[in-house]
Amino acid sequence: MAVFVLLHDAFQGGWVWRQTALELRDLGHEVHTPSYAGRTLPFDPESADSPARAALDNLVRYFEAEALTGATVVCSGWSGLLGPALAGALPSAVRSLFFWDAVVPEPGKSFMEVCPAALAGAIDGNSESGEVAPFVSGPLSWLECGADSTSLLAPFPRRAFTEPYAGPARGSWPESVFVHSPEEDAPGSPFGRQAVEGAGMPWLELDMYEYPLMARTQELARLLADRAAPGASRNGDGCARNPMPHEMRMQYCSHYRKRHEMAVASAGIDA
């Protein structure tokens, strides 16, 4: 079993991992989905110049409160800035990192300097009064199918995208894996396979069709579980995935039924 800590992207909260977390727990793993400063917690005015530091401090406190060790930390989007910094701050607590469609930080460079140019342009276009209004693009356009999901998105400090990354350099990170869609492997993209593998990071492919973090969570959970290092879970033996037929799971498993309904409603995919 592994201990997973799933870090959400900008504009989101821990809620975005809800279905993925349920799938991982079904596989017998311990899962945490904290919402750090900037989504559900206000920034301390004294930390306003460094939203990343405020978020990191909250994550460190969370790890300490939960006594987490040997965790597999999964980063999404902007939180790619937090995963390596967290590993540097708590080296015994973070065993491995997954960059799921996440920015791969470079010391001294901001998110805006290392993210795809189209994403940087969208951030600029949605910035006003020190905040960036929430927006969806690329695979996240799936969220537009659900008003309940888009209503949970919240503004994010612009400074979070422009402050330089101050965490450790790549050579001192724990074991790290990059997960991305082959369709997004555009020439010259910092998310491209050549750039990632050139930095010495293994690349795993997962088709981002219909945003698997919310609509195809079973596939995403299995990919993460297959590559995660086992950790010291406090949940005993957990519960292994029940092999019962689809019809029985629809009758007795509420989150399986909900996931199936979401998938069918969004794209006619049989979950």
C-alpha atoms as a PDB file:
ATOM      1  CA  MET A   1       0.000   0.000   0.000  1.00  0.00           C
ATOM      2  CA  ALA A   2       1.064   3.570  -0.610  1.00  0.00           C
ATOM      3  CA  VAL A   3       0.313   6.896   1.049  1.00  0.00           C
ATOM      4  CA  PHE A   4      -0.852   9.458  -1.520  1.00  0.00           C
ATOM      5  CA  VAL A   5      -1.051  13.220  -1.083  1.00  0.00           C
ATOM      6  CA  LEU A   6      -2.848  14.790  -4.059  1.00  0.00           C
ATOM      7  CA  LEU A   7      -2.113  18.485  -4.659  1.00  0.00           C
ATOM      8  CA  HIS A   8      -4.649  20.513  -6.633  1.00  0.00           C
ATOM      9  CA  ASP A   9      -4.038  23.093  -9.340  1.00  0.00           C
ATOM     10  CA  ALA A  10      -4.623  26.842  -9.132  1.00  0.00           C
ATOM     11  CA  PHE A  11      -8.296  27.925  -8.880  1.00  0.00           C
ATOM     12  CA  GLN A  12      -9.257  24.502  -7.504  1.00  0.00           C
ATOM     13  CA  GLY A  13      -9.348  22.790  -4.117  1.00  0.00           C
ATOM     14  CA  GLY A  14      -8.974  19.294  -2.752  1.00  0.00           C
ATOM     15  CA  TRP A  15     -12.507  18.587  -4.008  1.00  0.00           C
ATOM     16  CA  VAL A  16     -11.180  18.120  -7.552  1.00  0.00           C
ATOM     17  CA  TRP A  17      -9.487  14.860  -6.491  1.00  0.00           C
ATOM     18  CA  ARG A  18     -12.563  13.407  -4.793  1.00  0.00           C
ATOM     19  CA  GLN A  19     -13.286  10.614  -7.261  1.00  0.00           C
ATOM     20  CA  THR A  20      -9.616   9.758  -7.814  1.00  0.00           C
ATOM     21  CA  ALA A  21      -9.176   9.509  -4.051  1.00  0.00           C
ATOM     22  CA  LEU A  22     -12.122   7.125  -3.785  1.00  0.00           C
ATOM     23  CA  GLU A  23     -10.622   4.918  -6.485  1.00  0.00           C
ATOM     24  CA  LEU A  24      -7.213   4.837  -4.779  1.00  0.00           C
ATOM     25  CA  ARG A  25      -8.811   3.988  -1.429  1.00  0.00           C
ATOM     26  CA  ASP A  26     -10.704   1.156  -3.117  1.00  0.00           C
ATOM     27  CA  LEU A  27      -7.304  -0.164  -4.172  1.00  0.00           C
ATOM     28  CA  GLY A  28      -6.234  -0.168  -0.516  1.00  0.00           C
ATOM     29  CA  HIS A  29      -4.198   3.038  -0.375  1.00  0.00           C
ATOM     30  CA  GLU A  30      -4.240   5.933   2.092  1.00  0.00           C
ATOM     31  CA  VAL A  31      -5.135   9.216   0.394  1.00  0.00           C
ATOM     32  CA  HIS A  32      -5.004  12.879   1.459  1.00  0.00           C
ATOM     33  CA  THR A  33      -6.380  15.801  -0.574  1.00  0.00           C
ATOM     34  CA  PRO A  34      -5.523  19.005   1.332  1.00  0.00           C
ATOM     35  CA  SER A  35      -6.715  22.398   0.147  1.00  0.00           C
ATOM     36  CA  TYR A  36      -3.810  24.746   0.795  1.00  0.00           C
ATOM     37  CA  ALA A  37      -3.717  28.520   1.140  1.00  0.00           C
ATOM     38  CA  GLY A  38      -5.123  30.357  -1.842  1.00  0.00           C
ATOM     39  CA  ARG A  39      -8.190  28.197  -2.440  1.00  0.00           C
ATOM     40  CA  THR A  40     -10.064  27.644   0.808  1.00  0.00           C
ATOM     41  CA  LEU A  41      -7.723  29.450   3.200  1.00  0.00           C
ATOM     42  CA  PRO A  42      -6.906  33.183   3.038  1.00  0.00           C
ATOM     43  CA  PHE A  43      -3.319  34.291   2.623  1.00  0.00           C
ATOM     44  CA  ASP A  44      -1.690  35.833   5.653  1.00  0.00           C
ATOM     45  CA  PRO A  45      -1.061  39.499   4.711  1.00  0.00           C
ATOM     46  CA  GLU A  46       2.566  39.071   5.784  1.00  0.00           C
ATOM     47  CA  SER A  47       2.905  36.243   3.231  1.00  0.00           C
ATOM     48  CA  ALA A  48       1.135  38.049   0.385  1.00  0.00           C
ATOM     49  CA  ASP A  49       4.407  38.566  -1.497  1.00  0.00           C
ATOM     50  CA  SER A  50       4.933  34.799  -1.646  1.00  0.00           C
ATOM     51  CA  PRO A  51       1.740  32.795  -2.171  1.00  0.00           C
ATOM     52  CA  ALA A  52       3.849  29.694  -2.855  1.00  0.00           C
ATOM     53  CA  ARG A  53       5.517  30.047   0.544  1.00  0.00           C
ATOM     54  CA  ALA A  54       2.125  30.481   2.237  1.00  0.00           C
ATOM     55  CA  ALA A  55       0.789  27.357   0.511  1.00  0.00           C
ATOM     56  CA  LEU A  56       3.967  25.401   1.310  1.00  0.00           C
ATOM     57  CA  ASP A  57       3.812  26.394   4.985  1.00  0.00           C
ATOM     58  CA  ASN A  58       0.236  25.134   5.181  1.00  0.00           C
ATOM     59  CA  LEU A  59       1.225  21.844   3.551  1.00  0.00           C
ATOM     60  CA  VAL A  60       4.129  21.383   5.969  1.00  0.00           C
ATOM     61  CA  ARG A  61       1.744  21.920   8.889  1.00  0.00           C
ATOM     62  CA  TYR A  62      -0.674  19.429   7.347  1.00  0.00           C
ATOM     63  CA  PHE A  63       2.035  16.759   6.981  1.00  0.00           C
ATOM     64  CA  GLU A  64       3.160  17.324  10.549  1.00  0.00           C
ATOM     65  CA  ALA A  65      -0.389  17.213  11.932  1.00  0.00           C
ATOM     66  CA  GLU A  66      -1.114  13.976  10.071  1.00  0.00           C
ATOM     67  CA  ALA A  67       2.346  12.516  10.864  1.00  0.00           C
ATOM     68  CA  LEU A  68       2.809  11.575   7.207  1.00  0.00           C
ATOM     69  CA  THR A  69       5.981   9.790   6.091  1.00  0.00           C
ATOM     70  CA  GLY A  70       7.021   8.078   2.861  1.00  0.00           C
ATOM     71  CA  ALA A  71       4.251   9.728   0.847  1.00  0.00           C
ATOM     72  CA  THR A  72       3.782   9.777  -2.902  1.00  0.00           C
ATOM     73  CA  VAL A  73       2.939  13.384  -3.744  1.00  0.00           C
ATOM     74  CA  VAL A  74       0.944  13.949  -6.935  1.00  0.00           C
ATOM     75  CA  CYS A  75       1.174  17.478  -8.367  1.00  0.00           C
ATOM     76  CA  SER A  76      -1.310  18.983 -10.812  1.00  0.00           C
ATOM     77  CA  GLY A  77      -0.682  22.176 -12.825  1.00  0.00           C
ATOM     78  CA  TRP A  78       0.583  25.003 -10.620  1.00  0.00           C
ATOM     79  CA  SER A  79       1.260  22.681  -7.679  1.00  0.00           C
ATOM     80  CA  GLY A  80       4.275  21.360  -9.565  1.00  0.00           C
ATOM     81  CA  LEU A  81       5.989  24.289  -7.822  1.00  0.00           C
ATOM     82  CA  LEU A  82       5.008  22.875  -4.425  1.00  0.00           C
ATOM     83  CA  GLY A  83       5.882  19.178  -4.696  1.00  0.00           C
ATOM     84  CA  PRO A  84       9.681  19.527  -4.932  1.00  0.00           C
ATOM     85  CA  ALA A  85       9.687  22.356  -2.370  1.00  0.00           C
ATOM     86  CA  LEU A  86       7.734  20.137   0.017  1.00  0.00           C
ATOM     87  CA  ALA A  87      10.215  17.307  -0.541  1.00  0.00           C
ATOM     88  CA  GLY A  88      13.035  19.703   0.266  1.00  0.00           C
ATOM     89  CA  ALA A  89      11.347  20.896   3.451  1.00  0.00           C
ATOM     90  CA  LEU A  90      10.330  17.393   4.636  1.00  0.00           C
ATOM     91  CA  PRO A  91      12.695  14.916   2.947  1.00  0.00           C
ATOM     92  CA  SER A  92      11.610  11.937   5.068  1.00  0.00           C
ATOM     93  CA  ALA A  93       7.951  12.644   4.387  1.00  0.00           C
ATOM     94  CA  VAL A  94       8.033  12.632   0.565  1.00  0.00           C
ATOM     95  CA  ARG A  95       9.187   9.420  -1.067  1.00  0.00           C
ATOM     96  CA  SER A  96       8.299  10.170  -4.689  1.00  0.00           C
ATOM     97  CA  LEU A  97       6.729  12.824  -6.921  1.00  0.00           C
ATOM     98  CA  PHE A  98       4.246  12.551  -9.778  1.00  0.00           C
ATOM     99  CA  PHE A  99       3.846  15.519 -12.114  1.00  0.00           C
ATOM    100  CA  TRP A 100       0.376  14.979 -13.544  1.00  0.00           C
ATOM    101  CA  ASP A 101       0.124  17.583 -16.299  1.00  0.00           C
ATOM    102  CA  ALA A 102       2.051  19.812 -13.868  1.00  0.00           C
ATOM    103  CA  VAL A 103       4.672  22.485 -14.353  1.00  0.00           C
ATOM    104  CA  VAL A 104       8.239  21.257 -13.817  1.00  0.00           C
ATOM    105  CA  PRO A 105       9.927  24.099 -11.910  1.00  0.00           C
ATOM    106  CA  GLU A 106      13.378  25.521 -12.424  1.00  0.00           C
ATOM    107  CA  PRO A 107      15.240  27.445  -9.679  1.00  0.00           C
ATOM    108  CA  GLY A 108      14.927  31.194 -10.104  1.00  0.00           C
ATOM    109  CA  LYS A 109      12.204  30.950 -12.759  1.00  0.00           C
ATOM    110  CA  SER A 110       8.510  31.640 -12.289  1.00  0.00           C
ATOM    111  CA  PHE A 111       5.539  29.577 -13.421  1.00  0.00           C
ATOM    112  CA  MET A 112       5.009  32.081 -16.246  1.00  0.00           C
ATOM    113  CA  GLU A 113       8.545  31.481 -17.502  1.00  0.00           C
ATOM    114  CA  VAL A 114       8.318  27.697 -17.711  1.00  0.00           C
ATOM    115  CA  CYS A 115       4.664  27.056 -18.610  1.00  0.00           C
ATOM    116  CA  PRO A 116       3.403  26.869 -22.229  1.00  0.00           C
ATOM    117  CA  ALA A 117       3.066  30.276 -23.883  1.00  0.00           C
ATOM    118  CA  ALA A 118      -0.695  29.833 -24.435  1.00  0.00           C
ATOM    119  CA  LEU A 119      -1.232  29.249 -20.722  1.00  0.00           C
ATOM    120  CA  ALA A 120       0.846  32.300 -19.783  1.00  0.00           C
ATOM    121  CA  GLY A 121      -1.269  34.356 -22.188  1.00  0.00           C
ATOM    122  CA  ALA A 122      -4.490  33.116 -20.580  1.00  0.00           C
ATOM    123  CA  ILE A 123      -3.181  34.087 -17.142  1.00  0.00           C
ATOM    124  CA  ASP A 124      -2.318  37.572 -18.406  1.00  0.00           C
ATOM    125  CA  GLY A 125      -5.728  37.915 -20.021  1.00  0.00           C
ATOM    126  CA  ASN A 126      -7.569  36.996 -16.816  1.00  0.00           C
ATOM    127  CA  SER A 127      -5.493  39.132 -14.426  1.00  0.00           C
ATOM    128  CA  GLU A 128      -6.925  42.125 -12.583  1.00  0.00           C
ATOM    129  CA  SER A 129      -6.061  43.828  -9.282  1.00  0.00           C
ATOM    130  CA  GLY A 130      -3.461  41.290  -8.275  1.00  0.00           C
ATOM    131  CA  GLU A 131      -5.713  38.288  -8.877  1.00  0.00           C
ATOM    132  CA  VAL A 132      -6.281  35.922 -11.780  1.00  0.00           C
ATOM    133  CA  ALA A 133      -9.895  35.044 -12.454  1.00  0.00           C
ATOM    134  CA  PRO A 134     -10.512  31.290 -12.761  1.00  0.00           C
ATOM    135  CA  PHE A 135     -10.602  29.939 -16.275  1.00  0.00           C
ATOM    136  CA  VAL A 136     -10.642  26.540 -17.914  1.00  0.00           C
ATOM    137  CA  SER A 137      -8.669  25.462 -20.958  1.00  0.00           C
ATOM    138  CA  GLY A 138      -7.480  22.323 -22.692  1.00  0.00           C
ATOM    139  CA  PRO A 139      -8.607  19.156 -20.878  1.00  0.00           C
ATOM    140  CA  LEU A 140     -10.228  21.305 -18.185  1.00  0.00           C
ATOM    141  CA  SER A 141     -12.921  22.356 -20.657  1.00  0.00           C
ATOM    142  CA  TRP A 142     -14.709  19.226 -19.410  1.00  0.00           C
ATOM    143  CA  LEU A 143     -15.612  21.278 -16.336  1.00  0.00           C
ATOM    144  CA  GLU A 144     -17.818  23.454 -18.502  1.00  0.00           C
ATOM    145  CA  CYS A 145     -20.226  20.524 -18.658  1.00  0.00           C
ATOM    146  CA  GLY A 146     -21.017  20.934 -14.965  1.00  0.00           C
ATOM    147  CA  ALA A 147     -22.081  24.216 -13.371  1.00  0.00           C
ATOM    148  CA  ASP A 148     -21.573  22.714  -9.915  1.00  0.00           C
ATOM    149  CA  SER A 149     -17.888  22.119 -10.678  1.00  0.00           C
ATOM    150  CA  THR A 150     -17.167  25.490 -12.274  1.00  0.00           C
ATOM    151  CA  SER A 151     -18.842  27.293  -9.365  1.00  0.00           C
ATOM    152  CA  LEU A 152     -16.198  25.844  -7.049  1.00  0.00           C
ATOM    153  CA  LEU A 153     -13.351  27.519  -8.928  1.00  0.00           C
ATOM    154  CA  ALA A 154     -11.893  30.548  -7.153  1.00  0.00           C
ATOM    155  CA  PRO A 155      -9.538  33.441  -8.047  1.00  0.00           C
ATOM    156  CA  PHE A 156      -5.824  32.896  -7.476  1.00  0.00           C
ATOM    157  CA  PRO A 157      -3.114  35.474  -6.660  1.00  0.00           C
ATOM    158  CA  ARG A 158      -1.236  36.621  -9.751  1.00  0.00           C
ATOM    159  CA  ARG A 159       1.925  36.686  -7.661  1.00  0.00           C
ATOM    160  CA  ALA A 160       1.688  32.873  -7.450  1.00  0.00           C
ATOM    161  CA  PHE A 161       2.434  32.741 -11.182  1.00  0.00           C
ATOM    162  CA  THR A 162       5.162  35.400 -11.277  1.00  0.00           C
ATOM    163  CA  GLU A 163       7.278  34.739  -8.180  1.00  0.00           C
ATOM    164  CA  PRO A 164      10.433  32.679  -8.818  1.00  0.00           C
ATOM    165  CA  TYR A 165      10.572  29.078  -7.686  1.00  0.00           C
ATOM    166  CA  ALA A 166      12.736  28.891  -4.564  1.00  0.00           C
ATOM    167  CA  GLY A 167      12.781  25.133  -3.957  1.00  0.00           C
ATOM    168  CA  PRO A 168      15.588  22.627  -4.521  1.00  0.00           C
ATOM    169  CA  ALA A 169      17.080  21.933  -7.955  1.00  0.00           C
ATOM    170  CA  ARG A 170      15.983  18.850  -9.873  1.00  0.00           C
ATOM    171  CA  GLY A 171      19.051  16.800  -8.962  1.00  0.00           C
ATOM    172  CA  SER A 172      18.015  16.682  -5.308  1.00  0.00           C
ATOM    173  CA  TRP A 173      14.378  15.683  -5.846  1.00  0.00           C
ATOM    174  CA  PRO A 174      13.161  12.228  -4.827  1.00  0.00           C
ATOM    175  CA  GLU A 175      12.157   9.772  -7.536  1.00  0.00           C
ATOM    176  CA  SER A 176       9.973  11.720  -9.964  1.00  0.00           C
ATOM    177  CA  VAL A 177       7.679  10.728 -12.842  1.00  0.00           C
ATOM    178  CA  PHE A 178       5.928  12.913 -15.414  1.00  0.00           C
ATOM    179  CA  VAL A 179       2.462  11.908 -16.632  1.00  0.00           C
ATOM    180  CA  HIS A 180       1.060  13.585 -19.707  1.00  0.00           C
ATOM    181  CA  SER A 181      -0.981  13.037 -22.823  1.00  0.00           C
ATOM    182  CA  PRO A 182       0.748  12.073 -26.081  1.00  0.00           C
ATOM    183  CA  GLU A 183      -1.573  14.506 -27.859  1.00  0.00           C
ATOM    184  CA  GLU A 184       0.003  17.402 -25.931  1.00  0.00           C
ATOM    185  CA  ASP A 185       3.561  16.551 -27.013  1.00  0.00           C
ATOM    186  CA  ALA A 186       3.929  19.691 -29.113  1.00  0.00           C
ATOM    187  CA  PRO A 187       7.386  20.600 -30.478  1.00  0.00           C
ATOM    188  CA  GLY A 188       9.208  22.964 -28.117  1.00  0.00           C
ATOM    189  CA  SER A 189       6.633  22.618 -25.330  1.00  0.00           C
ATOM    190  CA  PRO A 190       8.090  22.505 -21.789  1.00  0.00           C
ATOM    191  CA  PHE A 191       5.550  19.731 -21.212  1.00  0.00           C
ATOM    192  CA  GLY A 192       6.826  17.841 -24.263  1.00  0.00           C
ATOM    193  CA  ARG A 193       8.311  14.395 -23.946  1.00  0.00           C
ATOM    194  CA  GLN A 194      11.710  15.389 -25.306  1.00  0.00           C
ATOM    195  CA  ALA A 195      12.065  18.213 -22.754  1.00  0.00           C
ATOM    196  CA  VAL A 196      10.985  16.033 -19.846  1.00  0.00           C
ATOM    197  CA  GLU A 197      13.096  13.021 -20.717  1.00  0.00           C
ATOM    198  CA  GLY A 198      16.034  15.302 -21.466  1.00  0.00           C
ATOM    199  CA  ALA A 199      15.852  16.384 -17.844  1.00  0.00           C
ATOM    200  CA  GLY A 200      16.159  12.751 -16.768  1.00  0.00           C
ATOM    201  CA  MET A 201      12.536  12.291 -15.720  1.00  0.00           C
ATOM    202  CA  PRO A 202      10.589   9.156 -16.803  1.00  0.00           C
ATOM    203  CA  TRP A 203       7.503   9.839 -18.934  1.00  0.00           C
ATOM    204  CA  LEU A 204       4.196   8.004 -18.658  1.00  0.00           C
ATOM    205  CA  GLU A 205       1.414   8.496 -21.179  1.00  0.00           C
ATOM    206  CA  LEU A 206      -2.236   8.932 -20.242  1.00  0.00           C
ATOM    207  CA  ASP A 207      -4.696  10.232 -22.796  1.00  0.00           C
ATOM    208  CA  MET A 208      -6.218  13.370 -21.289  1.00  0.00           C
ATOM    209  CA  TYR A 209      -9.491  12.899 -23.197  1.00  0.00           C
ATOM    210  CA  GLU A 210     -12.395  13.957 -20.950  1.00  0.00           C
ATOM    211  CA  TYR A 211     -10.036  15.047 -18.125  1.00  0.00           C
ATOM    212  CA  PRO A 212      -9.335  11.754 -16.293  1.00  0.00           C
ATOM    213  CA  LEU A 213      -8.885  13.491 -12.934  1.00  0.00           C
ATOM    214  CA  MET A 214     -12.676  13.815 -12.828  1.00  0.00           C
ATOM    215  CA  ALA A 215     -14.187  11.699 -15.597  1.00  0.00           C
ATOM    216  CA  ARG A 216     -11.838   8.716 -15.960  1.00  0.00           C
ATOM    217  CA  THR A 217     -10.601   8.389 -12.410  1.00  0.00           C
ATOM    218  CA  GLN A 218     -10.304   4.606 -12.384  1.00  0.00           C
ATOM    219  CA  GLU A 219      -7.673   4.674 -15.129  1.00  0.00           C
ATOM    220  CA  LEU A 220      -5.757   7.520 -13.491  1.00  0.00           C
ATOM    221  CA  ALA A 221      -5.833   5.840 -10.067  1.00  0.00           C
ATOM    222  CA  ARG A 222      -4.516   2.577 -11.445  1.00  0.00           C
ATOM    223  CA  LEU A 223      -1.688   4.342 -13.264  1.00  0.00           C
ATOM    224  CA  LEU A 224      -0.653   6.111 -10.051  1.00  0.00           C
ATOM    225  CA  ALA A 225      -0.992   2.978  -7.929  1.00  0.00           C
ATOM    226  CA  ASP A 226       1.041   0.854 -10.335  1.00  0.00           C
ATOM    227  CA  ARG A 227       4.028   3.194 -10.102  1.00  0.00           C
ATOM    228  CA  ALA A 228       3.789   4.413  -6.486  1.00  0.00           C
ATOM    229  CA  ALA A 229       6.253   3.246  -3.863  1.00  0.00           C
ATOM    230  CA  PRO A 230       4.592   1.472  -0.920  1.00  0.00           C
ATOM    231  CA  GLY A 231       4.424   3.478   2.270  1.00  0.00           C
ATOM    232  CA  ALA A 232       3.460   3.048   5.887  1.00  0.00           C
ATOM    233  CA  SER A 233      -0.318   3.339   5.770  1.00  0.00           C
ATOM    234  CA  ARG A 234      -2.264   3.797   9.012  1.00  0.00           C
ATOM    235  CA  ASN A 235      -5.414   2.258   7.535  1.00  0.00           C
ATOM    236  CA  GLY A 236      -4.654  -1.385   8.212  1.00  0.00           C
ATOM    237  CA  ASP A 237      -5.173  -3.584   5.198  1.00  0.00           C
ATOM    238  CA  GLY A 238      -7.576  -1.166   3.533  1.00  0.00           C
ATOM    239  CA  CYS A 239     -10.137  -2.541   1.157  1.00  0.00           C
ATOM    240  CA  ALA A 240      -9.122  -4.118  -2.112  1.00  0.00           C
ATOM    241  CA  ARG A 241     -11.156  -3.337  -5.206  1.00  0.00           C
ATOM    242  CA  ASN A 242     -14.288  -5.409  -5.146  1.00  0.00           C
ATOM    243  CA  PRO A 243     -14.410  -7.708  -8.197  1.00  0.00           C
ATOM    244  CA  MET A 244     -18.223  -7.825  -8.259  1.00  0.00           C
ATOM    245  CA  PRO A 245     -19.920  -7.324 -11.649  1.00  0.00           C
ATOM    246  CA  HIS A 246     -20.840  -3.888 -12.947  1.00  0.00           C
ATOM    247  CA  GLU A 247     -24.554  -4.344 -12.186  1.00  0.00           C
ATOM    248  CA  MET A 248     -23.891  -5.180  -8.530  1.00  0.00           C
ATOM    249  CA  ARG A 249     -21.439  -2.339  -8.092  1.00  0.00           C
ATOM    250  CA  MET A 250     -24.041   0.048  -9.519  1.00  0.00           C
ATOM    251  CA  GLN A 251     -26.483  -1.194  -6.876  1.00  0.00           C
ATOM    252  CA  TYR A 252     -24.203  -1.213  -3.822  1.00  0.00           C
ATOM    253  CA  CYS A 253     -21.382   1.263  -4.480  1.00  0.00           C
ATOM    254  CA  SER A 254     -22.522   4.896  -4.452  1.00  0.00           C
ATOM    255  CA  HIS A 255     -19.283   6.470  -5.700  1.00  0.00           C
ATOM    256  CA  TYR A 256     -18.991   3.872  -8.511  1.00  0.00           C
ATOM    257  CA  ARG A 257     -22.567   4.726  -9.521  1.00  0.00           C
ATOM    258  CA  LYS A 258     -21.797   8.458  -9.423  1.00  0.00           C
ATOM    259  CA  ARG A 259     -18.655   8.057 -11.509  1.00  0.00           C
ATOM    260  CA  HIS A 260     -20.579   5.992 -14.061  1.00  0.00           C
ATOM    261  CA  GLU A 261     -23.299   8.626 -14.281  1.00  0.00           C
ATOM    262  CA  MET A 262     -20.712  11.410 -14.723  1.00  0.00           C
ATOM    263  CA  ALA A 263     -18.931   9.562 -17.492  1.00  0.00           C
ATOM    264  CA  VAL A 264     -22.112   8.707 -19.381  1.00  0.00           C
ATOM    265  CA  ALA A 265     -23.455  12.262 -19.041  1.00  0.00           C
ATOM    266  CA  SER A 266     -20.229  13.892 -20.284  1.00  0.00           C
ATOM    267  CA  ALA A 267     -19.202  11.639 -23.135  1.00  0.00           C
ATOM    268  CA  GLY A 268     -21.215   8.456 -23.218  1.00  0.00           C
ATOM    269  CA  ILE A 269     -18.275   6.519 -21.802  1.00  0.00           C
ATOM    270  CA  ASP A 270     -19.175   3.366 -19.882  1.00  0.00           C
ATOM    271  CA  ALA A 271     -17.199   3.648 -16.615  1.00  0.00           C
END
